[in-house]
Amino acid sequence: MMYLAKIPSPLGMLTTLSDDEALVGLWMEGQRKFGRKHDLDHVQMEMSPVLEQLRDWLARYFAGQMEPFPGLVRPQGSAFDQQVWALLREIPAGESRTYGQLAAILHSSPRAVGGAVGRNPISIAIPCHRVLAADGRLGGYAGGLERKRILLDLEHIPYRT
């Protein structure tokens, strides 16, 4: 069964999606690729234990407690996307990586990594906001650059504008 819940946050309303075991989606209002690969119109609005865990974790995160999301995540994407998203989960709070650094690990190109980062369906919990351009600039962010700035500032991650 799939569960859908709206969770308020400092970034605006978050739309969250889980199955019985894992978080499968977390999107911000107006985000590019919102709900991608999921038919959100046919999922009942209901809080699941996974989404309750996420709600509680988000409250702690936005209060400055920066532990990684402790729950299981199950994003849908290609094998390459999965590799990139796994690397994103390894970036500690308060730190950043560049698209080039991630590309070097995967023997790929920064552009390919950027595409996978942009397809991340589980914002914040899979911390794609911690990826910057080679010169420290923000690069892109599916949720919008202002939201990326808020998340980076919350984690005290330096960046260039």
N, C-alpha and C. Protein backbone atom coordinates (compact mmCIF):
# COMPACT_ATOMS: atom_id res chain seq x y z
N MET A 1 0.85 -1.18 0.00
CA MET A 1 0.00 0.00 0.00
C MET A 1 0.89 1.24 0.00
N MET A 2 0.43 2.29 -0.64
CA MET A 2 1.15 3.56 -0.69
C MET A 2 0.43 4.57 0.20
N TYR A 3 1.24 5.45 0.82
CA TYR A 3 0.73 6.47 1.73
C TYR A 3 1.25 7.83 1.30
N LEU A 4 0.40 8.82 1.35
CA LEU A 4 0.74 10.18 0.96
C LEU A 4 0.39 11.11 2.11
N ALA A 5 1.31 12.01 2.45
CA ALA A 5 1.04 12.99 3.50
C ALA A 5 1.71 14.31 3.15
N LYS A 6 1.07 15.38 3.56
CA LYS A 6 1.63 16.73 3.43
C LYS A 6 2.23 17.09 4.78
N ILE A 7 3.47 17.59 4.75
CA ILE A 7 4.16 17.96 5.98
C ILE A 7 4.63 19.41 5.85
N PRO A 8 4.19 20.31 6.74
CA PRO A 8 4.66 21.70 6.68
C PRO A 8 6.13 21.77 7.09
N SER A 9 6.84 22.72 6.48
CA SER A 9 8.27 22.91 6.79
C SER A 9 8.64 24.36 6.53
N PRO A 10 9.84 24.76 6.94
CA PRO A 10 10.31 26.11 6.62
C PRO A 10 10.48 26.34 5.11
N LEU A 11 10.48 25.28 4.33
CA LEU A 11 10.59 25.39 2.87
C LEU A 11 9.24 25.42 2.19
N GLY A 12 8.18 25.39 2.96
CA GLY A 12 6.83 25.29 2.42
C GLY A 12 6.31 23.87 2.65
N MET A 13 5.16 23.61 2.09
CA MET A 13 4.54 22.30 2.26
C MET A 13 5.33 21.24 1.49
N LEU A 14 5.61 20.13 2.17
CA LEU A 14 6.31 19.00 1.56
C LEU A 14 5.29 17.90 1.29
N THR A 15 5.36 17.32 0.12
CA THR A 15 4.53 16.16 -0.21
C THR A 15 5.40 14.93 -0.05
N THR A 16 4.93 13.98 0.75
CA THR A 16 5.73 12.80 1.07
C THR A 16 4.97 11.54 0.68
N LEU A 17 5.73 10.52 0.28
CA LEU A 17 5.14 9.28 -0.19
C LEU A 17 5.95 8.12 0.36
N SER A 18 5.24 7.10 0.87
CA SER A 18 5.92 5.90 1.35
C SER A 18 5.11 4.68 0.97
N ASP A 19 5.78 3.53 1.06
CA ASP A 19 5.06 2.27 1.06
C ASP A 19 5.07 1.79 2.51
N ASP A 20 4.83 0.53 2.75
CA ASP A 20 4.78 0.04 4.13
C ASP A 20 6.15 0.00 4.81
N GLU A 21 7.23 0.06 4.03
CA GLU A 21 8.56 -0.11 4.59
C GLU A 21 9.51 1.05 4.40
N ALA A 22 9.30 1.85 3.34
CA ALA A 22 10.33 2.82 2.97
C ALA A 22 9.73 4.12 2.46
N LEU A 23 10.52 5.16 2.57
CA LEU A 23 10.21 6.46 1.97
C LEU A 23 10.53 6.37 0.49
N VAL A 24 9.57 6.75 -0.35
CA VAL A 24 9.80 6.69 -1.79
C VAL A 24 9.74 8.05 -2.47
N GLY A 25 9.25 9.07 -1.76
CA GLY A 25 9.21 10.40 -2.35
C GLY A 25 9.09 11.49 -1.31
N LEU A 26 9.77 12.61 -1.59
CA LEU A 26 9.65 13.82 -0.77
C LEU A 26 9.90 14.99 -1.71
N TRP A 27 8.82 15.74 -1.99
CA TRP A 27 8.90 16.84 -2.94
C TRP A 27 8.42 18.14 -2.32
N MET A 28 8.98 19.24 -2.81
CA MET A 28 8.57 20.58 -2.40
C MET A 28 7.58 21.11 -3.42
N GLU A 29 6.69 21.99 -2.98
CA GLU A 29 5.74 22.60 -3.90
C GLU A 29 6.49 23.26 -5.05
N GLY A 30 6.04 23.03 -6.27
CA GLY A 30 6.65 23.65 -7.43
C GLY A 30 7.96 23.02 -7.88
N GLN A 31 8.37 21.95 -7.23
CA GLN A 31 9.65 21.31 -7.58
C GLN A 31 9.58 20.69 -8.97
N ARG A 32 10.67 20.81 -9.71
CA ARG A 32 10.76 20.11 -10.99
C ARG A 32 10.66 18.62 -10.75
N LYS A 33 10.03 17.93 -11.67
CA LYS A 33 9.85 16.47 -11.59
C LYS A 33 9.02 16.05 -10.36
N PHE A 34 8.12 16.92 -9.92
CA PHE A 34 7.26 16.65 -8.77
C PHE A 34 6.48 15.35 -9.01
N GLY A 35 6.62 14.41 -8.10
CA GLY A 35 5.88 13.16 -8.16
C GLY A 35 6.29 12.22 -9.27
N ARG A 36 7.37 12.51 -9.94
CA ARG A 36 7.84 11.72 -11.08
C ARG A 36 7.77 10.23 -10.79
N LYS A 37 7.24 9.48 -11.75
CA LYS A 37 7.12 8.02 -11.70
C LYS A 37 6.06 7.53 -10.71
N HIS A 38 5.28 8.43 -10.13
CA HIS A 38 4.24 8.03 -9.18
C HIS A 38 2.93 8.70 -9.56
N ASP A 39 1.85 7.97 -9.47
CA ASP A 39 0.52 8.50 -9.74
C ASP A 39 -0.07 9.00 -8.41
N LEU A 40 0.31 10.18 -8.03
CA LEU A 40 -0.08 10.72 -6.72
C LEU A 40 -1.57 10.99 -6.61
N ASP A 41 -2.26 11.14 -7.74
CA ASP A 41 -3.70 11.40 -7.70
C ASP A 41 -4.50 10.19 -7.21
N HIS A 42 -3.89 9.03 -7.24
CA HIS A 42 -4.60 7.81 -6.85
C HIS A 42 -4.00 7.16 -5.60
N VAL A 43 -3.39 7.97 -4.76
CA VAL A 43 -2.86 7.49 -3.48
C VAL A 43 -3.65 8.19 -2.39
N GLN A 44 -4.12 7.42 -1.45
CA GLN A 44 -4.92 7.98 -0.35
C GLN A 44 -4.03 8.79 0.58
N MET A 45 -4.53 9.96 0.99
CA MET A 45 -3.83 10.78 1.98
C MET A 45 -3.93 10.07 3.32
N GLU A 46 -2.81 9.55 3.79
CA GLU A 46 -2.79 8.86 5.07
C GLU A 46 -1.35 8.82 5.58
N MET A 47 -1.18 9.08 6.84
CA MET A 47 0.13 9.04 7.48
C MET A 47 0.48 7.59 7.78
N SER A 48 1.68 7.17 7.39
CA SER A 48 2.17 5.82 7.67
C SER A 48 3.23 5.91 8.76
N PRO A 49 3.62 4.80 9.36
CA PRO A 49 4.73 4.83 10.31
C PRO A 49 6.01 5.41 9.69
N VAL A 50 6.26 5.11 8.42
CA VAL A 50 7.44 5.66 7.74
C VAL A 50 7.33 7.18 7.65
N LEU A 51 6.16 7.68 7.29
CA LEU A 51 5.99 9.13 7.16
C LEU A 51 5.98 9.82 8.52
N GLU A 52 5.50 9.14 9.56
CA GLU A 52 5.61 9.70 10.90
C GLU A 52 7.07 9.82 11.32
N GLN A 53 7.87 8.80 10.99
CA GLN A 53 9.31 8.85 11.28
C GLN A 53 9.95 10.01 10.51
N LEU A 54 9.57 10.18 9.26
CA LEU A 54 10.09 11.28 8.45
C LEU A 54 9.68 12.63 9.04
N ARG A 55 8.42 12.78 9.40
CA ARG A 55 7.94 14.05 9.99
C ARG A 55 8.75 14.41 11.23
N ASP A 56 8.98 13.42 12.09
CA ASP A 56 9.74 13.67 13.32
C ASP A 56 11.19 14.00 13.00
N TRP A 57 11.77 13.31 12.02
CA TRP A 57 13.16 13.58 11.62
C TRP A 57 13.27 14.99 11.02
N LEU A 58 12.31 15.37 10.18
CA LEU A 58 12.35 16.71 9.59
C LEU A 58 12.27 17.79 10.67
N ALA A 59 11.44 17.59 11.68
CA ALA A 59 11.34 18.57 12.77
C ALA A 59 12.69 18.72 13.45
N ARG A 60 13.37 17.61 13.71
CA ARG A 60 14.70 17.67 14.33
C ARG A 60 15.71 18.32 13.38
N TYR A 61 15.66 17.95 12.11
CA TYR A 61 16.59 18.51 11.11
C TYR A 61 16.45 20.03 11.06
N PHE A 62 15.23 20.52 10.92
CA PHE A 62 15.03 21.97 10.81
C PHE A 62 15.30 22.69 12.13
N ALA A 63 15.36 21.94 13.24
CA ALA A 63 15.74 22.52 14.54
C ALA A 63 17.26 22.49 14.72
N GLY A 64 17.99 21.98 13.73
CA GLY A 64 19.45 22.00 13.78
C GLY A 64 20.10 20.68 14.14
N GLN A 65 19.34 19.63 14.34
CA GLN A 65 19.92 18.31 14.61
C GLN A 65 20.15 17.63 13.27
N MET A 66 21.39 17.39 12.95
CA MET A 66 21.75 17.01 11.59
C MET A 66 22.08 15.53 11.40
N GLU A 67 21.42 14.64 12.10
CA GLU A 67 21.70 13.23 11.86
C GLU A 67 21.07 12.81 10.53
N PRO A 68 21.65 11.80 9.87
CA PRO A 68 21.07 11.31 8.61
C PRO A 68 19.67 10.74 8.84
N PHE A 69 18.85 10.77 7.83
CA PHE A 69 17.53 10.15 7.93
C PHE A 69 17.72 8.67 8.25
N PRO A 70 17.14 8.20 9.37
CA PRO A 70 17.41 6.84 9.82
C PRO A 70 16.60 5.76 9.12
N GLY A 71 15.58 6.15 8.38
CA GLY A 71 14.71 5.16 7.76
C GLY A 71 15.22 4.65 6.43
N LEU A 72 14.54 3.65 5.95
CA LEU A 72 14.84 3.07 4.65
C LEU A 72 14.30 3.99 3.56
N VAL A 73 15.08 4.20 2.52
CA VAL A 73 14.63 4.96 1.36
C VAL A 73 14.63 4.03 0.16
N ARG A 74 13.64 4.24 -0.73
CA ARG A 74 13.53 3.40 -1.91
C ARG A 74 13.16 4.28 -3.12
N PRO A 75 14.11 5.10 -3.57
CA PRO A 75 13.82 5.94 -4.74
C PRO A 75 13.81 5.11 -6.01
N GLN A 76 12.97 5.49 -6.95
CA GLN A 76 12.93 4.81 -8.24
C GLN A 76 13.81 5.56 -9.23
N GLY A 77 14.71 4.82 -9.88
CA GLY A 77 15.59 5.41 -10.87
C GLY A 77 16.48 4.36 -11.48
N SER A 78 17.28 4.79 -12.43
CA SER A 78 18.19 3.87 -13.12
C SER A 78 19.29 3.40 -12.16
N ALA A 79 20.05 2.43 -12.61
CA ALA A 79 21.18 1.93 -11.80
C ALA A 79 22.17 3.06 -11.54
N PHE A 80 22.42 3.90 -12.54
CA PHE A 80 23.34 5.03 -12.35
C PHE A 80 22.76 6.02 -11.34
N ASP A 81 21.47 6.34 -11.48
CA ASP A 81 20.83 7.23 -10.51
C ASP A 81 21.01 6.69 -9.10
N GLN A 82 20.78 5.40 -8.93
CA GLN A 82 20.90 4.78 -7.61
C GLN A 82 22.31 4.94 -7.04
N GLN A 83 23.32 4.80 -7.91
CA GLN A 83 24.72 4.98 -7.45
C GLN A 83 24.95 6.40 -6.98
N VAL A 84 24.46 7.37 -7.74
CA VAL A 84 24.62 8.77 -7.37
C VAL A 84 23.89 9.05 -6.06
N TRP A 85 22.66 8.58 -5.94
CA TRP A 85 21.88 8.85 -4.74
C TRP A 85 22.51 8.19 -3.51
N ALA A 86 23.13 7.03 -3.69
CA ALA A 86 23.84 6.39 -2.57
C ALA A 86 25.01 7.26 -2.13
N LEU A 87 25.72 7.86 -3.08
CA LEU A 87 26.83 8.76 -2.73
C LEU A 87 26.32 10.00 -2.00
N LEU A 88 25.18 10.51 -2.42
CA LEU A 88 24.62 11.68 -1.75
C LEU A 88 24.36 11.39 -0.27
N ARG A 89 23.87 10.21 0.02
CA ARG A 89 23.57 9.85 1.42
C ARG A 89 24.84 9.73 2.25
N GLU A 90 26.00 9.61 1.61
CA GLU A 90 27.27 9.51 2.33
C GLU A 90 27.87 10.87 2.66
N ILE A 91 27.33 11.94 2.09
CA ILE A 91 27.85 13.29 2.37
C ILE A 91 27.35 13.71 3.75
N PRO A 92 28.24 13.90 4.70
CA PRO A 92 27.79 14.28 6.05
C PRO A 92 27.15 15.67 6.06
N ALA A 93 26.24 15.85 6.99
CA ALA A 93 25.65 17.18 7.20
C ALA A 93 26.77 18.16 7.48
N GLY A 94 26.64 19.36 6.93
CA GLY A 94 27.65 20.39 7.13
C GLY A 94 28.79 20.32 6.13
N GLU A 95 28.76 19.35 5.23
CA GLU A 95 29.80 19.23 4.21
C GLU A 95 29.16 19.26 2.83
N SER A 96 29.97 19.55 1.85
CA SER A 96 29.49 19.53 0.47
C SER A 96 30.46 18.75 -0.39
N ARG A 97 30.01 18.41 -1.57
CA ARG A 97 30.83 17.80 -2.60
C ARG A 97 30.51 18.53 -3.90
N THR A 98 31.39 18.38 -4.86
CA THR A 98 31.12 18.95 -6.18
C THR A 98 30.63 17.85 -7.11
N TYR A 99 29.99 18.28 -8.18
CA TYR A 99 29.56 17.33 -9.20
C TYR A 99 30.78 16.57 -9.72
N GLY A 100 31.90 17.27 -9.87
CA GLY A 100 33.13 16.64 -10.36
C GLY A 100 33.68 15.60 -9.40
N GLN A 101 33.62 15.87 -8.11
CA GLN A 101 34.10 14.89 -7.14
C GLN A 101 33.27 13.61 -7.21
N LEU A 102 31.97 13.75 -7.30
CA LEU A 102 31.11 12.58 -7.40
C LEU A 102 31.33 11.85 -8.72
N ALA A 103 31.53 12.62 -9.79
CA ALA A 103 31.77 12.02 -11.10
C ALA A 103 33.07 11.21 -11.09
N ALA A 104 34.09 11.71 -10.43
CA ALA A 104 35.37 10.99 -10.37
C ALA A 104 35.21 9.65 -9.66
N ILE A 105 34.44 9.61 -8.61
CA ILE A 105 34.20 8.36 -7.89
C ILE A 105 33.51 7.35 -8.79
N LEU A 106 32.58 7.82 -9.61
CA LEU A 106 31.78 6.94 -10.46
C LEU A 106 32.37 6.75 -11.85
N HIS A 107 33.52 7.38 -12.12
CA HIS A 107 34.14 7.32 -13.45
C HIS A 107 33.12 7.77 -14.51
N SER A 108 32.52 8.91 -14.24
CA SER A 108 31.49 9.46 -15.10
C SER A 108 31.78 10.92 -15.35
N SER A 109 30.82 11.64 -15.88
CA SER A 109 30.99 13.07 -16.12
C SER A 109 30.18 13.87 -15.12
N PRO A 110 30.64 15.09 -14.81
CA PRO A 110 29.86 15.95 -13.92
C PRO A 110 28.44 16.20 -14.45
N ARG A 111 28.29 16.29 -15.77
CA ARG A 111 26.96 16.52 -16.35
C ARG A 111 26.02 15.34 -16.07
N ALA A 112 26.54 14.12 -16.21
CA ALA A 112 25.72 12.93 -15.94
C ALA A 112 25.33 12.88 -14.46
N VAL A 113 26.28 13.20 -13.60
CA VAL A 113 25.99 13.23 -12.17
C VAL A 113 24.95 14.30 -11.88
N GLY A 114 25.10 15.46 -12.48
CA GLY A 114 24.13 16.54 -12.28
C GLY A 114 22.72 16.14 -12.68
N GLY A 115 22.63 15.39 -13.79
CA GLY A 115 21.31 14.90 -14.21
C GLY A 115 20.69 13.98 -13.16
N ALA A 116 21.50 13.07 -12.63
CA ALA A 116 21.00 12.15 -11.61
C ALA A 116 20.63 12.89 -10.33
N VAL A 117 21.45 13.86 -9.95
CA VAL A 117 21.15 14.66 -8.75
C VAL A 117 19.81 15.37 -8.95
N GLY A 118 19.58 15.90 -10.13
CA GLY A 118 18.33 16.60 -10.42
C GLY A 118 17.10 15.71 -10.45
N ARG A 119 17.31 14.41 -10.64
CA ARG A 119 16.19 13.46 -10.65
C ARG A 119 15.90 12.87 -9.27
N ASN A 120 16.64 13.28 -8.26
CA ASN A 120 16.45 12.75 -6.91
C ASN A 120 15.00 12.95 -6.45
N PRO A 121 14.26 11.87 -6.20
CA PRO A 121 12.87 12.02 -5.79
C PRO A 121 12.66 12.15 -4.28
N ILE A 122 13.75 12.16 -3.51
CA ILE A 122 13.61 12.22 -2.06
C ILE A 122 14.49 13.35 -1.53
N SER A 123 14.03 14.57 -1.79
CA SER A 123 14.78 15.75 -1.35
C SER A 123 15.03 15.72 0.15
N ILE A 124 16.07 16.36 0.57
CA ILE A 124 16.48 16.56 1.97
C ILE A 124 16.99 15.25 2.58
N ALA A 125 16.18 14.19 2.59
CA ALA A 125 16.62 12.92 3.17
C ALA A 125 17.74 12.29 2.34
N ILE A 126 17.67 12.45 1.02
CA ILE A 126 18.80 12.16 0.14
C ILE A 126 19.33 13.54 -0.23
N PRO A 127 20.39 13.99 0.45
CA PRO A 127 20.75 15.42 0.47
C PRO A 127 21.44 15.94 -0.79
N CYS A 128 20.68 16.06 -1.87
CA CYS A 128 21.23 16.59 -3.11
C CYS A 128 21.60 18.07 -2.99
N HIS A 129 21.07 18.76 -1.97
CA HIS A 129 21.40 20.18 -1.78
C HIS A 129 22.87 20.37 -1.39
N ARG A 130 23.55 19.30 -0.99
CA ARG A 130 24.95 19.40 -0.57
C ARG A 130 25.93 19.32 -1.74
N VAL A 131 25.42 19.28 -2.96
CA VAL A 131 26.29 19.21 -4.14
C VAL A 131 26.37 20.60 -4.77
N LEU A 132 27.61 21.05 -4.97
CA LEU A 132 27.88 22.38 -5.52
C LEU A 132 28.68 22.28 -6.81
N ALA A 133 28.70 23.36 -7.55
CA ALA A 133 29.55 23.44 -8.74
C ALA A 133 31.01 23.47 -8.31
N ALA A 134 31.90 23.24 -9.24
CA ALA A 134 33.35 23.16 -8.96
C ALA A 134 33.87 24.43 -8.30
N ASP A 135 33.29 25.58 -8.63
CA ASP A 135 33.76 26.85 -8.07
C ASP A 135 33.04 27.23 -6.77
N GLY A 136 32.23 26.31 -6.23
CA GLY A 136 31.52 26.57 -4.99
C GLY A 136 30.18 27.26 -5.16
N ARG A 137 29.80 27.51 -6.41
CA ARG A 137 28.48 28.12 -6.65
C ARG A 137 27.39 27.07 -6.46
N LEU A 138 26.17 27.55 -6.35
CA LEU A 138 25.06 26.68 -6.05
C LEU A 138 24.77 25.64 -7.12
N GLY A 139 24.99 25.96 -8.37
CA GLY A 139 24.57 25.03 -9.42
C GLY A 139 23.06 25.08 -9.53
N GLY A 140 22.43 23.95 -9.68
CA GLY A 140 20.98 23.91 -9.77
C GLY A 140 20.37 23.25 -8.55
N TYR A 141 19.05 23.30 -8.49
CA TYR A 141 18.32 22.61 -7.45
C TYR A 141 16.87 22.50 -7.88
N ALA A 142 16.34 21.29 -7.93
CA ALA A 142 14.98 21.07 -8.42
C ALA A 142 13.95 21.83 -7.59
N GLY A 143 14.23 22.06 -6.32
CA GLY A 143 13.31 22.79 -5.45
C GLY A 143 13.47 24.30 -5.52
N GLY A 144 14.43 24.76 -6.32
CA GLY A 144 14.69 26.20 -6.45
C GLY A 144 15.90 26.61 -5.64
N LEU A 145 16.66 27.56 -6.18
CA LEU A 145 17.91 27.97 -5.55
C LEU A 145 17.71 28.61 -4.18
N GLU A 146 16.59 29.31 -3.97
CA GLU A 146 16.36 29.91 -2.65
C GLU A 146 16.23 28.83 -1.58
N ARG A 147 15.57 27.75 -1.91
CA ARG A 147 15.46 26.64 -0.95
C ARG A 147 16.81 25.98 -0.72
N LYS A 148 17.60 25.87 -1.76
CA LYS A 148 18.94 25.29 -1.60
C LYS A 148 19.77 26.17 -0.66
N ARG A 149 19.67 27.49 -0.83
CA ARG A 149 20.39 28.42 0.08
C ARG A 149 19.94 28.21 1.53
N ILE A 150 18.65 28.07 1.74
CA ILE A 150 18.13 27.87 3.10
C ILE A 150 18.73 26.60 3.71
N LEU A 151 18.73 25.52 2.96
CA LEU A 151 19.27 24.25 3.47
C LEU A 151 20.78 24.35 3.73
N LEU A 152 21.51 24.96 2.82
CA LEU A 152 22.96 25.11 3.02
C LEU A 152 23.25 26.00 4.22
N ASP A 153 22.50 27.08 4.36
CA ASP A 153 22.69 27.97 5.52
C ASP A 153 22.36 27.25 6.82
N LEU A 154 21.31 26.45 6.81
CA LEU A 154 20.92 25.69 7.99
C LEU A 154 22.06 24.76 8.44
N GLU A 155 22.77 24.19 7.46
CA GLU A 155 23.87 23.27 7.75
C GLU A 155 25.22 23.98 7.84
N HIS A 156 25.23 25.30 7.70
CA HIS A 156 26.47 26.09 7.74
C HIS A 156 27.47 25.64 6.68
N ILE A 157 26.95 25.34 5.49
CA ILE A 157 27.79 24.94 4.37
C ILE A 157 28.09 26.19 3.55
N PRO A 158 29.38 26.54 3.40
CA PRO A 158 29.71 27.73 2.60
C PRO A 158 29.49 27.48 1.11
N TYR A 159 29.09 28.55 0.41
CA TYR A 159 28.89 28.49 -1.03
C TYR A 159 29.11 29.88 -1.59
N ARG A 160 29.31 29.96 -2.90
CA ARG A 160 29.46 31.24 -3.59
C ARG A 160 28.17 31.58 -4.30
N THR A 161 27.88 32.87 -4.37
CA THR A 161 26.69 33.31 -5.09
C THR A 161 27.06 33.95 -6.40
